[in-house]
């Protein structure tokens, strides 16, 4: 099987580098938001979610760089972007169970920075997949 069939969308090295940097930025923003590492987010499930997101951001960056843009890296990068975007909306809107610290706090500077980084990362990942589907490239796992 040719190498191009095993890689995710015809993503250029530049787009993979940018996506990897954005994944690391998402991780860094969330470490800062939790007050450093190990952090202090309550309730417990929110803190665990932060840790999982931070680890996923680092892993996605490594996959995008080391694996030449395999689909797993792009899928994880999309999750690293979408998950906290959803968490931002839920935590500021209706709230999360046992977590009301950010309810209505739509203009927190670190939150705005996170949303901007995550939106660009999500757009990049979606664009990579759309480009692959339009060019007829196979996206293998």
N, C-alpha and C. Protein backbone atom coordinates (compact mmCIF):
# COMPACT_ATOMS: atom_id res chain seq x y z
N UNK A 1 0.85 -1.17 0.00
CA UNK A 1 0.00 0.00 0.00
C UNK A 1 0.90 1.23 0.00
N UNK A 2 0.68 2.18 -0.90
CA UNK A 2 1.51 3.38 -0.94
C UNK A 2 1.37 4.17 0.35
N UNK A 3 2.40 4.89 0.68
CA UNK A 3 2.43 5.66 1.91
C UNK A 3 1.29 6.67 1.99
N UNK A 4 0.93 7.29 0.87
CA UNK A 4 -0.12 8.32 0.92
C UNK A 4 -1.46 7.74 1.37
N UNK A 5 -1.71 6.47 1.15
CA UNK A 5 -2.97 5.86 1.55
C UNK A 5 -3.03 5.64 3.06
N UNK A 6 -1.88 5.58 3.70
CA UNK A 6 -1.86 5.35 5.15
C UNK A 6 -1.87 6.66 5.92
N UNK A 7 -1.73 7.76 5.26
CA UNK A 7 -1.71 9.03 5.98
C UNK A 7 -3.05 9.71 5.84
N UNK A 8 -3.33 10.53 6.80
CA UNK A 8 -4.56 11.29 6.75
C UNK A 8 -4.42 12.30 5.63
N UNK A 9 -5.47 12.97 5.35
CA UNK A 9 -5.59 13.92 4.27
C UNK A 9 -4.28 14.52 3.83
N UNK A 10 -4.20 14.81 2.60
CA UNK A 10 -3.01 15.35 1.98
C UNK A 10 -2.55 16.59 2.73
N UNK A 11 -2.33 16.44 3.99
CA UNK A 11 -1.94 17.56 4.83
C UNK A 11 -0.47 17.86 4.61
N UNK A 12 -0.20 19.11 4.41
CA UNK A 12 1.18 19.51 4.21
C UNK A 12 1.93 19.47 5.54
N UNK A 13 3.22 19.49 5.44
CA UNK A 13 4.05 19.53 6.64
C UNK A 13 3.71 20.78 7.45
N UNK A 14 3.46 21.87 6.78
CA UNK A 14 3.12 23.11 7.47
C UNK A 14 1.83 22.98 8.27
N UNK A 15 0.81 22.37 7.69
CA UNK A 15 -0.45 22.23 8.42
C UNK A 15 -0.31 21.27 9.58
N UNK A 16 0.50 20.21 9.42
CA UNK A 16 0.74 19.30 10.54
C UNK A 16 1.51 19.98 11.66
N UNK A 17 2.51 20.79 11.31
CA UNK A 17 3.27 21.53 12.32
C UNK A 17 2.37 22.52 13.06
N UNK A 18 1.54 23.22 12.30
CA UNK A 18 0.61 24.18 12.91
C UNK A 18 -0.38 23.46 13.82
N UNK A 19 -0.93 22.36 13.36
CA UNK A 19 -1.88 21.60 14.18
C UNK A 19 -1.21 21.08 15.45
N UNK A 20 0.02 20.60 15.33
CA UNK A 20 0.75 20.11 16.51
C UNK A 20 0.98 21.25 17.50
N UNK A 21 1.37 22.41 17.00
CA UNK A 21 1.59 23.57 17.87
C UNK A 21 0.29 23.99 18.56
N UNK A 22 -0.81 23.95 17.83
CA UNK A 22 -2.11 24.31 18.42
C UNK A 22 -2.54 23.30 19.48
N UNK A 23 -2.27 22.02 19.25
CA UNK A 23 -2.57 21.00 20.27
C UNK A 23 -1.80 21.28 21.55
N UNK A 24 -0.53 21.61 21.40
CA UNK A 24 0.29 21.93 22.58
C UNK A 24 -0.20 23.21 23.25
N UNK A 25 -0.67 24.16 22.46
CA UNK A 25 -1.21 25.41 23.02
C UNK A 25 -2.47 25.13 23.84
N UNK A 26 -3.33 24.25 23.34
CA UNK A 26 -4.54 23.88 24.09
C UNK A 26 -4.14 23.28 25.44
N UNK A 27 -3.16 22.39 25.43
CA UNK A 27 -2.69 21.79 26.68
C UNK A 27 -2.14 22.85 27.62
N UNK A 28 -1.30 23.73 27.10
CA UNK A 28 -0.69 24.77 27.93
C UNK A 28 -1.75 25.70 28.53
N UNK A 29 -2.72 26.10 27.73
CA UNK A 29 -3.80 26.98 28.21
C UNK A 29 -4.54 26.33 29.37
N UNK A 30 -4.79 25.04 29.25
CA UNK A 30 -5.55 24.36 30.31
C UNK A 30 -4.71 24.11 31.56
N UNK A 31 -3.41 23.93 31.40
CA UNK A 31 -2.53 23.86 32.58
C UNK A 31 -2.58 25.21 33.31
N UNK A 32 -2.50 26.30 32.56
CA UNK A 32 -2.57 27.63 33.16
C UNK A 32 -3.91 27.86 33.85
N UNK A 33 -4.98 27.43 33.20
CA UNK A 33 -6.33 27.65 33.73
C UNK A 33 -6.56 26.89 35.03
N UNK A 34 -5.92 25.76 35.19
CA UNK A 34 -6.12 24.98 36.41
C UNK A 34 -5.14 25.40 37.50
N UNK A 35 -4.33 26.42 37.24
CA UNK A 35 -3.41 26.91 38.25
C UNK A 35 -2.09 26.19 38.28
N UNK A 36 -1.64 25.68 37.15
CA UNK A 36 -0.38 24.95 37.08
C UNK A 36 -0.62 23.46 37.13
N UNK A 37 0.47 22.74 37.33
CA UNK A 37 0.34 21.29 37.41
C UNK A 37 0.83 20.84 38.77
N UNK A 38 0.09 20.12 39.57
CA UNK A 38 -1.04 19.30 39.19
C UNK A 38 -2.37 20.04 39.12
N UNK A 39 -2.46 21.26 39.54
CA UNK A 39 -3.68 22.02 39.40
C UNK A 39 -4.65 21.82 40.53
N UNK A 40 -5.74 22.60 40.44
CA UNK A 40 -6.72 22.59 41.53
C UNK A 40 -8.11 22.86 40.97
N UNK A 41 -8.62 21.95 40.19
CA UNK A 41 -9.98 22.09 39.64
C UNK A 41 -10.92 21.15 40.37
N UNK A 42 -12.02 21.71 40.83
CA UNK A 42 -13.07 20.90 41.45
C UNK A 42 -14.36 21.18 40.72
N UNK A 43 -15.25 20.26 40.66
CA UNK A 43 -15.23 18.92 41.22
C UNK A 43 -14.18 18.04 40.54
N UNK A 44 -13.99 16.89 41.12
CA UNK A 44 -12.93 15.97 40.69
C UNK A 44 -13.02 15.64 39.20
N UNK A 45 -14.22 15.44 38.67
CA UNK A 45 -14.33 15.04 37.26
C UNK A 45 -13.84 16.15 36.32
N UNK A 46 -13.96 17.41 36.74
CA UNK A 46 -13.45 18.51 35.91
C UNK A 46 -11.92 18.47 35.90
N UNK A 47 -11.32 18.25 37.06
CA UNK A 47 -9.86 18.14 37.14
C UNK A 47 -9.34 16.99 36.30
N UNK A 48 -10.00 15.84 36.38
CA UNK A 48 -9.60 14.68 35.58
C UNK A 48 -9.75 15.01 34.09
N UNK A 49 -10.81 15.68 33.73
CA UNK A 49 -11.00 16.08 32.33
C UNK A 49 -9.87 16.97 31.84
N UNK A 50 -9.42 17.88 32.69
CA UNK A 50 -8.29 18.74 32.32
C UNK A 50 -7.05 17.89 32.07
N UNK A 51 -6.75 16.95 32.98
CA UNK A 51 -5.57 16.10 32.82
C UNK A 51 -5.64 15.30 31.53
N UNK A 52 -6.81 14.73 31.25
CA UNK A 52 -6.97 13.93 30.03
C UNK A 52 -6.79 14.80 28.78
N UNK A 53 -7.35 16.00 28.81
CA UNK A 53 -7.21 16.91 27.68
C UNK A 53 -5.75 17.30 27.47
N UNK A 54 -5.07 17.62 28.54
CA UNK A 54 -3.66 18.01 28.43
C UNK A 54 -2.81 16.88 27.86
N UNK A 55 -3.03 15.68 28.33
CA UNK A 55 -2.29 14.52 27.81
C UNK A 55 -2.66 14.26 26.35
N UNK A 56 -3.94 14.38 26.02
CA UNK A 56 -4.39 14.16 24.64
C UNK A 56 -3.77 15.19 23.70
N UNK A 57 -3.64 16.43 24.14
CA UNK A 57 -3.02 17.46 23.32
C UNK A 57 -1.58 17.14 22.99
N UNK A 58 -0.83 16.67 23.99
CA UNK A 58 0.57 16.30 23.77
C UNK A 58 0.65 15.08 22.85
N UNK A 59 -0.20 14.08 23.10
CA UNK A 59 -0.19 12.88 22.27
C UNK A 59 -0.57 13.20 20.83
N UNK A 60 -1.58 14.03 20.63
CA UNK A 60 -1.98 14.41 19.26
C UNK A 60 -0.83 15.10 18.54
N UNK A 61 -0.14 16.00 19.24
CA UNK A 61 0.99 16.69 18.63
C UNK A 61 2.06 15.69 18.20
N UNK A 62 2.36 14.75 19.08
CA UNK A 62 3.37 13.73 18.75
C UNK A 62 2.94 12.88 17.55
N UNK A 63 1.67 12.49 17.53
CA UNK A 63 1.17 11.68 16.41
C UNK A 63 1.23 12.45 15.10
N UNK A 64 0.87 13.71 15.13
CA UNK A 64 0.91 14.52 13.91
C UNK A 64 2.33 14.68 13.39
N UNK A 65 3.28 14.79 14.31
CA UNK A 65 4.67 14.98 13.90
C UNK A 65 5.36 13.68 13.55
N UNK A 66 5.21 12.68 14.41
CA UNK A 66 5.96 11.43 14.24
C UNK A 66 5.36 10.51 13.19
N UNK A 67 4.08 10.51 13.07
CA UNK A 67 3.43 9.55 12.18
C UNK A 67 3.12 10.16 10.81
N UNK A 68 3.62 11.34 10.55
CA UNK A 68 3.40 11.93 9.24
C UNK A 68 1.95 12.28 8.96
N UNK A 69 1.18 12.56 9.99
CA UNK A 69 -0.19 12.98 9.79
C UNK A 69 -1.19 11.86 9.66
N UNK A 70 -0.93 10.74 10.29
CA UNK A 70 -1.89 9.64 10.25
C UNK A 70 -3.24 10.11 10.77
N UNK A 71 -4.26 9.41 10.35
CA UNK A 71 -5.62 9.78 10.70
C UNK A 71 -5.82 9.84 12.22
N UNK A 72 -5.16 8.97 12.97
CA UNK A 72 -5.32 8.98 14.43
C UNK A 72 -4.90 10.33 15.01
N UNK A 73 -3.83 10.89 14.50
CA UNK A 73 -3.38 12.21 14.96
C UNK A 73 -4.39 13.30 14.66
N UNK A 74 -4.95 13.26 13.46
CA UNK A 74 -5.94 14.27 13.08
C UNK A 74 -7.24 14.09 13.87
N UNK A 75 -7.66 12.85 14.07
CA UNK A 75 -8.87 12.63 14.86
C UNK A 75 -8.69 13.09 16.29
N UNK A 76 -7.55 12.77 16.88
CA UNK A 76 -7.30 13.20 18.25
C UNK A 76 -7.19 14.72 18.32
N UNK A 77 -6.58 15.34 17.33
CA UNK A 77 -6.48 16.80 17.28
C UNK A 77 -7.88 17.43 17.22
N UNK A 78 -8.77 16.84 16.42
CA UNK A 78 -10.15 17.35 16.35
C UNK A 78 -10.83 17.23 17.71
N UNK A 79 -10.59 16.12 18.41
CA UNK A 79 -11.15 15.94 19.75
C UNK A 79 -10.58 16.92 20.75
N UNK A 80 -9.27 17.20 20.64
CA UNK A 80 -8.61 18.17 21.52
C UNK A 80 -9.21 19.56 21.31
N UNK A 81 -9.68 19.83 20.11
CA UNK A 81 -10.30 21.12 19.83
C UNK A 81 -11.77 21.13 20.23
N UNK A 82 -12.51 20.09 19.85
CA UNK A 82 -13.95 20.10 20.06
C UNK A 82 -14.33 19.94 21.54
N UNK A 83 -13.63 19.06 22.25
CA UNK A 83 -13.97 18.79 23.65
C UNK A 83 -13.99 20.04 24.52
N UNK A 84 -12.90 20.81 24.53
CA UNK A 84 -12.93 22.01 25.37
C UNK A 84 -13.86 23.11 24.85
N UNK A 85 -14.10 23.15 23.54
CA UNK A 85 -15.10 24.11 23.03
C UNK A 85 -16.47 23.80 23.62
N UNK A 86 -16.82 22.52 23.62
CA UNK A 86 -18.08 22.09 24.20
C UNK A 86 -18.09 22.38 25.70
N UNK A 87 -17.00 22.07 26.38
CA UNK A 87 -16.90 22.34 27.82
C UNK A 87 -17.02 23.82 28.13
N UNK A 88 -16.45 24.68 27.29
CA UNK A 88 -16.55 26.12 27.48
C UNK A 88 -18.01 26.56 27.43
N UNK A 89 -18.72 26.12 26.40
CA UNK A 89 -20.12 26.51 26.23
C UNK A 89 -20.97 25.97 27.39
N UNK A 90 -20.78 24.72 27.75
CA UNK A 90 -21.57 24.13 28.84
C UNK A 90 -21.26 24.76 30.18
N UNK A 91 -20.00 25.01 30.46
CA UNK A 91 -19.63 25.56 31.77
C UNK A 91 -20.06 27.01 31.92
N UNK A 92 -20.14 27.74 30.83
CA UNK A 92 -20.56 29.15 30.90
C UNK A 92 -22.06 29.32 30.72
N UNK A 93 -22.67 28.39 30.00
CA UNK A 93 -24.11 28.45 29.76
C UNK A 93 -24.88 27.79 30.87
N UNK A 94 -25.40 26.60 30.60
CA UNK A 94 -26.25 25.95 31.60
C UNK A 94 -25.50 25.49 32.84
N UNK A 95 -24.19 25.39 32.74
CA UNK A 95 -23.39 24.93 33.87
C UNK A 95 -23.20 23.43 33.83
N UNK A 96 -22.26 22.96 34.62
CA UNK A 96 -21.96 21.53 34.73
C UNK A 96 -22.30 21.09 36.15
N UNK A 97 -22.64 19.84 36.34
CA UNK A 97 -23.00 19.36 37.68
C UNK A 97 -21.90 19.63 38.71
N UNK A 98 -22.24 20.36 39.75
CA UNK A 98 -21.31 20.65 40.82
C UNK A 98 -20.23 21.66 40.46
N UNK A 99 -20.36 22.30 39.31
CA UNK A 99 -19.34 23.25 38.85
C UNK A 99 -20.02 24.50 38.34
N UNK A 100 -19.99 25.55 39.14
CA UNK A 100 -20.62 26.79 38.73
C UNK A 100 -19.65 27.95 38.68
N UNK A 101 -18.35 27.67 38.84
CA UNK A 101 -17.35 28.73 38.91
C UNK A 101 -17.35 29.64 37.68
N UNK A 102 -17.57 29.10 36.51
CA UNK A 102 -17.46 29.88 35.28
C UNK A 102 -18.80 30.24 34.66
N UNK A 103 -19.88 29.90 35.31
CA UNK A 103 -21.19 30.17 34.73
C UNK A 103 -21.36 31.66 34.45
N UNK A 104 -21.65 31.98 33.20
CA UNK A 104 -21.84 33.36 32.76
C UNK A 104 -20.55 34.12 32.51
N UNK A 105 -19.41 33.50 32.70
CA UNK A 105 -18.11 34.16 32.55
C UNK A 105 -17.58 33.99 31.12
N UNK A 106 -18.25 34.59 30.17
CA UNK A 106 -17.94 34.41 28.75
C UNK A 106 -16.71 35.18 28.29
N UNK A 107 -16.25 36.16 29.07
CA UNK A 107 -15.18 37.04 28.60
C UNK A 107 -13.85 36.83 29.32
N UNK A 108 -13.69 35.75 30.04
CA UNK A 108 -12.42 35.47 30.69
C UNK A 108 -11.32 35.39 29.64
N UNK A 109 -10.23 36.17 29.79
CA UNK A 109 -9.19 36.22 28.75
C UNK A 109 -8.60 34.85 28.39
N UNK A 110 -8.31 34.02 29.37
CA UNK A 110 -7.74 32.71 29.07
C UNK A 110 -8.77 31.84 28.35
N UNK A 111 -10.03 31.98 28.70
CA UNK A 111 -11.09 31.24 28.02
C UNK A 111 -11.23 31.67 26.57
N UNK A 112 -11.15 32.98 26.33
CA UNK A 112 -11.23 33.50 24.96
C UNK A 112 -10.03 33.00 24.14
N UNK A 113 -8.85 33.01 24.74
CA UNK A 113 -7.65 32.51 24.04
C UNK A 113 -7.83 31.03 23.70
N UNK A 114 -8.36 30.27 24.65
CA UNK A 114 -8.60 28.85 24.41
C UNK A 114 -9.57 28.63 23.27
N UNK A 115 -10.66 29.36 23.27
CA UNK A 115 -11.67 29.21 22.21
C UNK A 115 -11.05 29.54 20.85
N UNK A 116 -10.25 30.58 20.78
CA UNK A 116 -9.62 30.96 19.51
C UNK A 116 -8.69 29.86 19.00
N UNK A 117 -7.85 29.33 19.88
CA UNK A 117 -6.90 28.27 19.50
C UNK A 117 -7.66 27.02 19.08
N UNK A 118 -8.66 26.65 19.87
CA UNK A 118 -9.43 25.44 19.59
C UNK A 118 -10.23 25.55 18.30
N UNK A 119 -10.77 26.74 18.02
CA UNK A 119 -11.53 26.93 16.79
C UNK A 119 -10.63 26.80 15.57
N UNK A 120 -9.44 27.37 15.63
CA UNK A 120 -8.50 27.26 14.51
C UNK A 120 -8.07 25.81 14.32
N UNK A 121 -7.78 25.12 15.43
CA UNK A 121 -7.39 23.71 15.35
C UNK A 121 -8.50 22.85 14.76
N UNK A 122 -9.72 23.07 15.19
CA UNK A 122 -10.85 22.31 14.66
C UNK A 122 -11.04 22.59 13.17
N UNK A 123 -10.93 23.84 12.78
CA UNK A 123 -11.07 24.19 11.36
C UNK A 123 -9.97 23.53 10.53
N UNK A 124 -8.76 23.49 11.06
CA UNK A 124 -7.65 22.86 10.35
C UNK A 124 -7.87 21.37 10.18
N UNK A 125 -8.33 20.70 11.24
CA UNK A 125 -8.58 19.26 11.16
C UNK A 125 -9.73 18.95 10.20
N UNK A 126 -10.80 19.71 10.28
CA UNK A 126 -11.94 19.49 9.39
C UNK A 126 -11.53 19.74 7.94
N UNK A 127 -10.77 20.80 7.72
CA UNK A 127 -10.30 21.11 6.37
C UNK A 127 -9.43 19.97 5.82
N UNK A 128 -8.59 19.41 6.67
CA UNK A 128 -7.73 18.30 6.22
C UNK A 128 -8.59 17.12 5.77
N UNK A 129 -9.66 16.81 6.52
CA UNK A 129 -10.51 15.69 6.14
C UNK A 129 -11.36 16.00 4.90
N UNK A 130 -11.85 17.21 4.80
CA UNK A 130 -12.63 17.59 3.62
C UNK A 130 -11.77 17.57 2.37
N UNK A 131 -10.56 18.04 2.49
CA UNK A 131 -9.63 18.02 1.36
C UNK A 131 -9.38 16.59 0.91
N UNK A 132 -9.23 15.70 1.86
CA UNK A 132 -9.00 14.29 1.52
C UNK A 132 -10.20 13.70 0.80
N UNK A 133 -11.39 14.03 1.26
CA UNK A 133 -12.58 13.45 0.64
C UNK A 133 -12.80 14.02 -0.76
N UNK A 134 -12.46 15.28 -0.97
CA UNK A 134 -12.65 15.90 -2.28
C UNK A 134 -11.62 15.42 -3.29
N UNK A 135 -10.44 15.07 -2.82
CA UNK A 135 -9.40 14.62 -3.75
C UNK A 135 -9.45 13.12 -3.95
N UNK A 136 -10.34 12.44 -3.20
CA UNK A 136 -10.49 11.01 -3.36
C UNK A 136 -9.42 10.20 -2.65
N UNK A 137 -8.63 10.86 -1.83
CA UNK A 137 -7.61 10.11 -1.08
C UNK A 137 -8.27 9.28 -0.02
N UNK A 138 -7.73 8.11 0.18
CA UNK A 138 -8.23 7.22 1.20
C UNK A 138 -7.65 7.64 2.54
N UNK A 139 -8.46 7.67 3.56
CA UNK A 139 -7.99 7.95 4.91
C UNK A 139 -8.00 6.63 5.64
N UNK A 140 -6.85 6.07 5.89
CA UNK A 140 -6.74 4.78 6.57
C UNK A 140 -6.37 4.99 8.03
N UNK A 141 -6.60 3.96 8.83
CA UNK A 141 -6.29 4.08 10.25
C UNK A 141 -4.89 3.65 10.56
